Amino acid sequence: MLRTRPFLHLAARAALLATSLLADPRGAAAQAAPPAPTHPFAARTVTSADGTRIAYLVAGTGRPLVMVHGSMTVADEWLPVADRLAATRHLVVVERRGRGRSGDAAPHSLALEAQDLAAVVADVGGPTAVDLFGHSYGGAVVGRYAIKTRFPGAVVLYDPGAGLNGPIAAEGRAPVRALLDAGQRDPALRDSALTRAFQTIMGTPPAVIAGIRQNAPLWTQYRTLLPSWIREVESLDAFAPTAEELGRIRGRTTIVLGEQSGPMLTAITRTWVSGQPGVAVLPLSGQGHTGYLEAPAYVAERIQAALGAPPAALARTTQVSKTQAAIPDAITADPAHYTVEFENTEVRVLRIRYGPHAKGNMHDHPRSVTVFLTPGHLRMTVPGRAPMEATVKAGTVAWEDAGPHQPENLSDQPFEAVRTEFKTPDPRATSDATRRSRP
């Protein structure tokens, strides 16, 4: 797909509604074919409850992991991630109705897609024998199915879509729908409908739209998927599960949240975890909604971490309470002051820079060691406590427990530090009362 990092910061509604519409304005030359899978994937089909043919791709051996992709994409675009997971799992990548190898039927609903998933799950062993993964709209499909069946296995959701916080881009959908309906008679209007969708629903810059149109195969794919996409956006509005409904999901649930996925997806995750007790949130550092295209190996590693460890042992996982759910980590909440210098499976190293009298956004850190590169006069605000001021010397090294805070540089000089965050779980039962303020 055409993509480049500057456009990972499109409006959050674009990230939610257009799984792979983050395009590079340089045009077709920027597109690179993904490498061939290491594991051969075989195509199979099953008949859903309404008689629709649903295809899925399989590879690998072990406990089945059923993957459900999002909107404006097809199963094949998830094969680079699935291929890596197939080293230890039997991967089942569903091709959702209305695209690729699968059939379609009218009318459409999220409930029908949950039935499609049920048919695939039954075909590969049944609900007690599999785990589930869903991305974006696919996360809504998985969520709907898991609630309906009181699913007992592991559930991993990457930036799940839902109407938990109100209608999604409702004001922009009617003109697109009208052009799409007219396009049944005049194919040229289908192009106009797609352009309008980019403009009014996703807020996509004109240069990005022009870049997509320069790539004829990519534009054709999006134009073909547009009817499915607009109905899926409409279906998401109706998926607003209550806390009681979310509580019916019996298996361990982990949400993988892209740190660059934007405020809409962060808000949906916050609402989801506030309604479903025990949900773990696993940040996807340096990636957004299309991390599966940008960094498939890293996304596969995060999914494997979510599936292979109990919640307390997940790398950089936070058990999110109703209060904590509103506080994202430093890179998500405050990228102006925090950048990632280095990261592996054990640690993440952040560069911290605050200008004179600069104030950051409230954010959270895991356990860390901070090295102060410059002197500093700082004010720290921690939820539930009075602000505290501290003066530090250059060269100071400090250990800090996990917790949220909001720093402010009170000096006339810039402040800089390096913070090493540990991804392994704290062996102590650290409470909020023992957490200290730190920059």
Protein backbone atom coordinates (compact mmCIF):
# COMPACT_ATOMS: atom_id res chain seq x y z
CA MET A 1 0.00 0.00 0.00
CA LEU A 2 1.05 3.61 -0.46
CA ARG A 3 1.93 5.01 2.92
CA THR A 4 4.39 7.26 4.69
CA ARG A 5 4.79 8.31 8.29
CA PRO A 6 3.67 11.97 7.96
CA PHE A 7 0.18 10.79 7.10
CA LEU A 8 -0.07 8.57 10.18
CA HIS A 9 -1.23 11.78 11.89
CA LEU A 10 -4.36 12.21 9.79
CA ALA A 11 -7.56 12.91 11.68
CA ALA A 12 -8.41 9.98 13.92
CA ARG A 13 -11.61 9.31 12.01
CA ALA A 14 -9.45 8.56 8.96
CA ALA A 15 -7.41 6.09 10.99
CA LEU A 16 -10.56 4.31 12.17
CA LEU A 17 -12.55 4.27 8.98
CA ALA A 18 -9.90 3.74 6.32
CA THR A 19 -7.70 0.94 7.51
CA SER A 20 -5.11 1.38 4.75
CA LEU A 21 -5.89 4.79 3.29
CA LEU A 22 -2.74 6.43 4.59
CA ALA A 23 -1.14 7.21 1.26
CA ASP A 24 2.13 8.68 0.05
CA PRO A 25 1.56 11.66 -2.27
CA ARG A 26 4.61 10.65 -4.32
CA GLY A 27 2.40 8.18 -6.15
CA ALA A 28 2.81 4.66 -7.44
CA ALA A 29 6.60 4.66 -7.15
CA ALA A 30 6.28 4.54 -3.37
CA GLN A 31 4.40 1.23 -3.39
CA ALA A 32 6.39 -1.92 -2.66
CA ALA A 33 5.11 -5.47 -2.94
CA PRO A 34 5.16 -7.37 0.37
CA PRO A 35 7.56 -10.31 0.63
CA ALA A 36 6.20 -13.75 -0.15
CA PRO A 37 4.97 -15.63 2.95
CA THR A 38 7.32 -18.17 4.48
CA HIS A 39 4.39 -20.45 5.21
CA PRO A 40 2.12 -21.44 2.29
CA PHE A 41 -1.44 -20.26 2.93
CA ALA A 42 -4.26 -22.42 1.59
CA ALA A 43 -7.72 -21.01 0.79
CA ARG A 44 -10.82 -22.66 2.21
CA THR A 45 -14.48 -21.72 2.29
CA VAL A 46 -17.43 -22.18 4.60
CA THR A 47 -21.11 -21.31 4.25
CA SER A 48 -22.46 -18.73 6.69
CA ALA A 49 -25.91 -18.87 8.29
CA ASP A 50 -27.51 -16.80 5.51
CA GLY A 51 -25.97 -18.95 2.77
CA THR A 52 -23.10 -16.57 1.92
CA ARG A 53 -19.76 -18.15 1.02
CA ILE A 54 -16.99 -16.97 3.37
CA ALA A 55 -13.37 -17.66 2.49
CA TYR A 56 -10.43 -17.93 4.84
CA LEU A 57 -6.70 -18.58 4.49
CA VAL A 58 -4.83 -21.08 6.69
CA ALA A 59 -1.20 -21.90 7.48
CA GLY A 60 0.86 -23.25 10.36
CA THR A 61 0.13 -25.69 13.17
CA GLY A 62 -0.88 -25.33 16.79
CA ARG A 63 -3.82 -23.72 18.55
CA PRO A 64 -5.87 -21.82 15.94
CA LEU A 65 -5.82 -18.03 15.93
CA VAL A 66 -8.70 -16.63 13.86
CA MET A 67 -7.90 -13.17 12.46
CA VAL A 68 -10.54 -10.70 11.21
CA HIS A 69 -9.32 -7.71 9.18
CA GLY A 70 -10.80 -4.22 9.07
CA SER A 71 -12.41 -2.04 6.41
CA MET A 72 -10.99 -0.99 3.04
CA THR A 73 -8.59 -3.92 3.06
CA VAL A 74 -8.48 -7.63 2.23
CA ALA A 75 -7.12 -10.72 3.93
CA ASP A 76 -3.91 -10.80 1.88
CA GLU A 77 -2.70 -7.54 3.39
CA TRP A 78 -2.53 -9.26 6.78
CA LEU A 79 -0.42 -12.19 5.53
CA PRO A 80 2.95 -10.59 6.51
CA VAL A 81 1.71 -10.52 10.13
CA ALA A 82 -0.02 -13.90 9.96
CA ASP A 83 3.03 -15.52 8.37
CA ARG A 84 5.14 -14.66 11.41
CA LEU A 85 2.51 -15.93 13.84
CA ALA A 86 2.19 -19.18 11.86
CA ALA A 87 5.54 -20.30 13.28
CA THR A 88 3.75 -21.29 16.51
CA ARG A 89 0.03 -21.15 15.64
CA HIS A 90 -2.49 -22.43 13.14
CA LEU A 91 -3.39 -19.11 11.50
CA VAL A 92 -6.89 -18.60 10.10
CA VAL A 93 -7.25 -15.29 8.23
CA VAL A 94 -10.88 -14.54 7.41
CA GLU A 95 -11.73 -12.80 4.12
CA ARG A 96 -14.73 -10.74 5.20
CA ARG A 97 -17.90 -10.70 3.09
CA GLY A 98 -18.10 -8.24 0.24
CA ARG A 99 -14.49 -8.56 -0.89
CA GLY A 100 -11.87 -10.87 -2.33
CA ARG A 101 -12.68 -14.57 -2.30
CA SER A 102 -15.86 -14.26 -0.22
CA GLY A 103 -19.41 -13.76 -1.37
CA ASP A 104 -21.92 -11.11 -0.31
CA ALA A 105 -25.61 -10.61 0.36
CA ALA A 106 -28.03 -7.81 1.23
CA PRO A 107 -28.94 -6.42 3.64
CA HIS A 108 -25.70 -6.08 5.58
CA SER A 109 -25.28 -5.98 9.36
CA LEU A 110 -22.62 -6.50 11.99
CA ALA A 111 -24.69 -9.40 13.30
CA LEU A 112 -24.34 -11.16 9.92
CA GLU A 113 -20.57 -10.71 10.01
CA ALA A 114 -20.52 -12.18 13.52
CA GLN A 115 -22.37 -15.18 12.06
CA ASP A 116 -19.69 -15.40 9.36
CA LEU A 117 -17.05 -15.55 12.08
CA ALA A 118 -19.08 -18.18 13.94
CA ALA A 119 -19.11 -20.36 10.81
CA VAL A 120 -15.33 -20.10 10.41
CA VAL A 121 -14.72 -20.79 14.12
CA ALA A 122 -16.94 -23.88 13.95
CA ASP A 123 -15.06 -25.07 10.86
CA VAL A 124 -11.63 -24.90 12.54
CA GLY A 125 -12.45 -26.45 15.91
CA GLY A 126 -15.14 -24.50 17.73
CA PRO A 127 -15.06 -21.67 20.29
CA THR A 128 -13.29 -23.64 23.02
CA ALA A 129 -10.42 -24.56 20.67
CA VAL A 130 -9.48 -21.15 19.20
CA ASP A 131 -8.37 -17.63 20.08
CA LEU A 132 -9.53 -14.48 18.25
CA PHE A 133 -7.92 -11.37 16.80
CA GLY A 134 -9.70 -8.39 15.21
CA HIS A 135 -8.45 -5.11 13.77
CA SER A 136 -10.56 -1.95 13.47
CA TYR A 137 -13.98 -3.00 12.11
CA GLY A 138 -12.80 -6.57 12.48
CA GLY A 139 -12.48 -5.81 16.19
CA ALA A 140 -16.17 -4.94 16.24
CA VAL A 141 -16.96 -8.25 14.51
CA VAL A 142 -14.90 -10.16 17.06
CA GLY A 143 -16.46 -8.18 19.92
CA ARG A 144 -20.01 -8.83 18.70
CA TYR A 145 -19.31 -12.55 18.34
CA ALA A 146 -17.51 -12.80 21.71
CA ILE A 147 -20.42 -11.11 23.51
CA LYS A 148 -23.03 -13.24 21.78
CA THR A 149 -21.25 -16.54 22.50
CA ARG A 150 -19.68 -15.63 25.88
CA PHE A 151 -16.41 -16.56 24.19
CA PRO A 152 -14.00 -18.35 26.55
CA GLY A 153 -10.71 -18.03 24.64
CA ALA A 154 -8.18 -15.21 24.38
CA VAL A 155 -9.36 -12.09 22.54
CA VAL A 156 -6.89 -9.58 21.05
CA LEU A 157 -8.25 -6.38 19.52
CA TYR A 158 -6.07 -3.88 17.62
CA ASP A 159 -7.64 -0.39 17.59
CA PRO A 160 -11.17 -1.82 17.72
CA GLY A 161 -13.98 0.13 16.07
CA ALA A 162 -17.23 0.79 17.90
CA GLY A 163 -19.96 3.38 18.28
CA LEU A 164 -19.26 3.62 22.00
CA ASN A 165 -18.78 7.39 21.91
CA GLY A 166 -21.54 8.33 19.46
CA PRO A 167 -22.07 8.19 15.68
CA ILE A 168 -18.97 8.02 13.48
CA ALA A 169 -18.75 10.79 10.88
CA ALA A 170 -22.53 10.81 10.48
CA GLU A 171 -22.57 14.29 8.93
CA GLY A 172 -20.33 13.19 6.05
CA ARG A 173 -21.94 9.91 5.16
CA ALA A 174 -25.19 11.01 3.48
CA PRO A 175 -23.54 12.81 0.50
CA VAL A 176 -21.24 9.85 -0.06
CA ARG A 177 -24.15 7.41 0.09
CA ALA A 178 -26.14 9.53 -2.42
CA LEU A 179 -23.22 9.61 -4.89
CA LEU A 180 -22.64 5.91 -4.40
CA ASP A 181 -26.27 5.08 -5.15
CA ALA A 182 -26.16 7.30 -8.25
CA GLY A 183 -22.96 5.56 -9.26
CA GLN A 184 -24.91 2.38 -9.91
CA ARG A 185 -26.12 4.14 -13.06
CA ASP A 186 -23.09 6.32 -13.81
CA PRO A 187 -19.69 4.73 -13.00
CA ALA A 188 -18.01 8.16 -13.01
CA LEU A 189 -20.01 9.04 -9.91
CA ARG A 190 -18.36 6.15 -8.06
CA ASP A 191 -15.08 8.09 -8.38
CA SER A 192 -16.83 11.19 -7.08
CA ALA A 193 -18.20 9.21 -4.13
CA LEU A 194 -14.74 7.96 -3.20
CA THR A 195 -13.24 11.43 -3.47
CA ARG A 196 -16.06 12.81 -1.32
CA ALA A 197 -15.48 10.08 1.28
CA PHE A 198 -11.82 11.05 1.54
CA GLN A 199 -12.70 14.72 1.84
CA THR A 200 -15.71 14.81 4.17
CA ILE A 201 -15.47 11.64 6.26
CA MET A 202 -11.75 11.13 6.59
CA GLY A 203 -10.51 14.70 6.22
CA THR A 204 -7.78 13.51 3.87
CA PRO A 205 -5.53 16.30 2.46
CA PRO A 206 -5.91 16.94 -1.30
CA ALA A 207 -2.29 15.95 -1.94
CA VAL A 208 -2.93 12.52 -0.42
CA ILE A 209 -6.05 12.01 -2.53
CA ALA A 210 -4.09 12.98 -5.64
CA GLY A 211 -1.35 10.50 -4.70
CA ILE A 212 -3.86 7.68 -4.37
CA ARG A 213 -5.45 8.49 -7.71
CA GLN A 214 -2.03 8.27 -9.39
CA ASN A 215 -1.91 4.61 -8.43
CA ALA A 216 -4.60 3.09 -10.62
CA PRO A 217 -4.69 -0.38 -8.96
CA LEU A 218 -4.93 1.17 -5.50
CA TRP A 219 -7.69 3.60 -6.52
CA THR A 220 -9.58 0.74 -8.19
CA GLN A 221 -9.33 -1.36 -5.03
CA TYR A 222 -10.75 1.44 -2.88
CA ARG A 223 -13.49 2.22 -5.38
CA THR A 224 -14.47 -1.47 -5.45
CA LEU A 225 -14.56 -1.67 -1.64
CA LEU A 226 -16.38 1.64 -1.13
CA PRO A 227 -19.91 0.13 -0.98
CA SER A 228 -18.77 -2.36 1.67
CA TRP A 229 -16.90 0.33 3.57
CA ILE A 230 -19.77 2.82 3.83
CA ARG A 231 -22.20 0.17 5.11
CA GLU A 232 -19.62 -0.95 7.68
CA VAL A 233 -19.23 2.60 8.94
CA GLU A 234 -22.99 2.72 9.37
CA SER A 235 -22.97 -0.62 11.18
CA LEU A 236 -20.40 0.60 13.70
CA ASP A 237 -22.84 3.21 15.02
CA ALA A 238 -25.09 0.41 16.21
CA PHE A 239 -22.28 -1.41 18.03
CA ALA A 240 -22.19 0.28 21.44
CA PRO A 241 -22.06 -2.58 23.94
CA THR A 242 -22.95 -1.86 27.55
CA ALA A 243 -20.77 -2.84 30.49
CA GLU A 244 -23.13 -5.74 31.13
CA GLU A 245 -22.68 -6.95 27.54
CA LEU A 246 -18.90 -6.58 27.60
CA GLY A 247 -18.88 -8.58 30.81
CA ARG A 248 -20.19 -11.58 28.88
CA ILE A 249 -16.78 -12.00 27.23
CA ARG A 250 -15.33 -14.74 29.42
CA GLY A 251 -11.85 -14.98 27.91
CA ARG A 252 -8.85 -12.76 28.63
CA THR A 253 -9.08 -9.61 26.49
CA THR A 254 -6.15 -7.44 25.39
CA ILE A 255 -6.40 -4.25 23.32
CA VAL A 256 -3.37 -3.35 21.22
CA LEU A 257 -3.51 0.44 20.89
CA GLY A 258 -1.41 2.23 18.28
CA GLU A 259 0.41 5.12 19.93
CA GLN A 260 -0.17 7.20 16.79
CA SER A 261 -3.74 6.05 16.15
CA GLY A 262 -5.23 9.31 17.36
CA PRO A 263 -7.73 10.53 19.95
CA MET A 264 -10.83 8.82 18.51
CA LEU A 265 -9.36 5.33 18.80
CA THR A 266 -7.85 6.14 22.18
CA ALA A 267 -11.27 7.31 23.39
CA ILE A 268 -12.95 4.15 22.11
CA THR A 269 -10.35 2.04 23.93
CA ARG A 270 -10.84 4.09 27.09
CA THR A 271 -14.60 3.53 27.00
CA TRP A 272 -14.18 -0.17 26.20
CA VAL A 273 -11.82 -0.88 29.11
CA SER A 274 -13.96 1.12 31.52
CA GLY A 275 -16.84 -1.21 30.71
CA GLN A 276 -15.04 -4.56 30.65
CA PRO A 277 -13.16 -5.41 33.86
CA GLY A 278 -9.64 -6.79 33.56
CA VAL A 279 -8.88 -5.65 30.01
CA ALA A 280 -5.16 -5.18 29.39
CA VAL A 281 -3.89 -2.44 27.05
CA LEU A 282 -0.71 -3.15 25.10
CA PRO A 283 0.69 0.01 23.42
CA LEU A 284 2.07 -0.32 19.90
CA SER A 285 5.03 2.03 20.17
CA GLY A 286 5.70 4.37 17.27
CA GLN A 287 2.87 2.95 15.16
CA GLY A 288 -0.69 3.89 14.33
CA HIS A 289 -3.72 2.21 12.84
CA THR A 290 -1.76 0.78 9.90
CA GLY A 291 1.09 -0.74 11.90
CA TYR A 292 0.40 -4.09 10.25
CA LEU A 293 1.59 -2.51 6.97
CA GLU A 294 4.37 -0.39 8.46
CA ALA A 295 5.86 -2.91 10.89
CA PRO A 296 4.35 -6.40 10.48
CA ALA A 297 7.07 -8.12 12.53
CA TYR A 298 6.48 -5.78 15.47
CA VAL A 299 2.70 -6.16 15.28
CA ALA A 300 3.08 -9.94 15.20
CA GLU A 301 5.33 -9.77 18.29
CA ARG A 302 2.75 -7.68 20.15
CA ILE A 303 -0.05 -10.10 19.25
CA GLN A 304 2.10 -13.03 20.35
CA ALA A 305 2.82 -11.26 23.65
CA ALA A 306 -0.89 -10.74 24.22
CA LEU A 307 -1.65 -14.38 23.48
CA GLY A 308 1.28 -15.99 25.23
CA ALA A 309 1.41 -14.33 28.64
CA PRO A 310 -1.00 -13.60 31.49
CA PRO A 311 -2.04 -9.93 31.73
CA ALA A 312 0.42 -9.15 34.54
CA ALA A 313 3.34 -10.33 32.39
CA LEU A 314 2.54 -8.54 29.15
CA ALA A 315 5.35 -6.32 27.92
CA ARG A 316 4.46 -2.70 28.68
CA THR A 317 0.88 -3.68 29.51
CA THR A 318 -1.23 -1.63 31.88
CA GLN A 319 -4.30 -2.97 33.66
CA VAL A 320 -6.47 0.06 33.01
CA SER A 321 -8.93 1.27 35.63
CA LYS A 322 -11.65 3.80 34.84
CA THR A 323 -9.36 6.60 36.04
CA GLN A 324 -6.16 5.32 34.45
CA ALA A 325 -7.85 4.65 31.09
CA ALA A 326 -7.93 8.39 30.45
CA ILE A 327 -4.12 8.70 30.77
CA PRO A 328 -2.13 7.46 27.74
CA ASP A 329 1.62 6.99 27.73
CA ALA A 330 4.11 9.79 27.02
CA ILE A 331 4.54 9.20 23.28
CA THR A 332 0.79 9.14 22.69
CA ALA A 333 -0.08 12.05 24.98
CA ASP A 334 2.89 14.36 24.50
CA PRO A 335 4.95 13.71 21.33
CA ALA A 336 6.15 17.33 21.35
CA HIS A 337 8.25 16.64 24.45
CA TYR A 338 8.97 12.88 24.24
CA THR A 339 10.63 10.89 21.45
CA VAL A 340 11.74 7.26 21.25
CA GLU A 341 15.53 6.90 21.00
CA PHE A 342 15.72 3.11 21.29
CA GLU A 343 13.41 0.16 21.90
CA ASN A 344 13.59 -3.62 22.16
CA THR A 345 11.63 -6.30 23.99
CA GLU A 346 13.10 -5.29 27.36
CA VAL A 347 13.21 -1.48 27.46
CA ARG A 348 12.14 1.71 25.72
CA VAL A 349 14.45 4.75 25.93
CA LEU A 350 12.82 8.19 25.70
CA ARG A 351 14.45 11.55 25.02
CA ILE A 352 12.71 14.27 27.08
CA ARG A 353 12.97 17.91 26.01
CA TYR A 354 11.05 20.82 27.54
CA GLY A 355 11.59 24.41 26.46
CA PRO A 356 11.66 27.30 28.96
CA HIS A 357 8.38 27.41 30.91
CA ALA A 358 6.93 24.60 28.79
CA LYS A 359 4.14 22.46 30.26
CA GLY A 360 3.48 18.91 29.10
CA ASN A 361 0.30 16.86 28.86
CA MET A 362 -0.70 14.36 31.53
CA HIS A 363 0.75 10.94 30.66
CA ASP A 364 1.76 7.60 32.18
CA HIS A 365 5.11 5.76 32.52
CA PRO A 366 6.05 2.22 33.53
CA ARG A 367 8.92 1.72 36.01
CA SER A 368 11.89 3.74 34.82
CA VAL A 369 15.37 5.16 35.40
CA THR A 370 15.86 8.83 34.46
CA VAL A 371 19.20 10.53 33.75
CA PHE A 372 18.99 14.35 33.97
CA LEU A 373 21.19 15.87 31.26
CA THR A 374 20.61 19.49 32.31
CA PRO A 375 19.74 21.21 35.59
CA GLY A 376 16.02 21.61 36.11
CA HIS A 377 13.40 23.39 38.15
CA LEU A 378 10.21 21.38 37.68
CA ARG A 379 6.64 21.27 38.86
CA MET A 380 4.99 17.85 38.90
CA THR A 381 1.23 17.35 38.93
CA VAL A 382 -0.01 13.87 39.86
CA PRO A 383 -3.73 12.92 39.81
CA GLY A 384 -5.25 13.23 43.27
CA ARG A 385 -2.37 15.19 44.80
CA ALA A 386 -1.23 18.78 45.14
CA PRO A 387 1.47 19.86 42.61
CA MET A 388 5.06 19.46 43.83
CA GLU A 389 8.19 21.41 42.81
CA ALA A 390 11.69 19.97 42.59
CA THR A 391 15.17 21.19 41.65
CA VAL A 392 17.60 18.69 40.10
CA LYS A 393 21.26 18.86 39.08
CA ALA A 394 22.70 17.78 35.74
CA GLY A 395 23.93 14.20 35.99
CA THR A 396 21.37 13.13 38.58
CA VAL A 397 20.16 9.54 38.13
CA ALA A 398 16.79 8.58 39.65
CA TRP A 399 14.71 5.41 39.88
CA GLU A 400 10.96 5.98 39.54
CA ASP A 401 7.98 3.70 40.07
CA ALA A 402 5.16 3.48 37.53
CA GLY A 403 2.44 6.10 37.41
CA PRO A 404 1.00 9.19 35.70
CA HIS A 405 2.15 12.80 35.95
CA GLN A 406 2.21 16.18 34.19
CA PRO A 407 5.60 17.97 34.19
CA GLU A 408 6.17 21.72 33.81
CA ASN A 409 9.54 23.42 33.32
CA LEU A 410 9.62 26.46 35.64
CA SER A 411 13.08 27.55 34.46
CA ASP A 412 14.10 30.15 31.89
CA GLN A 413 16.39 27.47 30.38
CA PRO A 414 15.49 24.34 28.37
CA PHE A 415 15.38 21.02 30.19
CA GLU A 416 16.56 17.66 28.83
CA ALA A 417 16.66 14.12 30.23
CA VAL A 418 16.80 10.49 29.07
CA ARG A 419 14.31 8.04 30.57
CA THR A 420 14.63 4.25 30.28
CA GLU A 421 11.28 2.49 30.71
CA PHE A 422 11.26 -1.18 31.74
CA LYS A 423 8.82 -3.50 30.01
CA THR A 424 9.07 -6.36 32.52
CA PRO A 425 6.40 -6.41 35.24
CA ASP A 426 7.07 -4.90 38.65
CA PRO A 427 7.72 -7.77 41.10
CA ARG A 428 6.33 -5.66 43.90
CA ALA A 429 2.68 -4.79 44.41
CA THR A 430 3.28 -1.10 43.83
CA SER A 431 0.28 0.98 44.84
CA ASP A 432 -0.66 4.50 43.80
CA ALA A 433 0.30 5.65 47.30
CA THR A 434 3.95 4.64 46.80
CA ARG A 435 4.39 6.24 43.39
CA ARG A 436 6.63 9.29 43.29
CA SER A 437 6.61 12.32 41.00
CA ARG A 438 9.25 12.34 38.28
CA PRO A 439 9.99 14.09 34.98
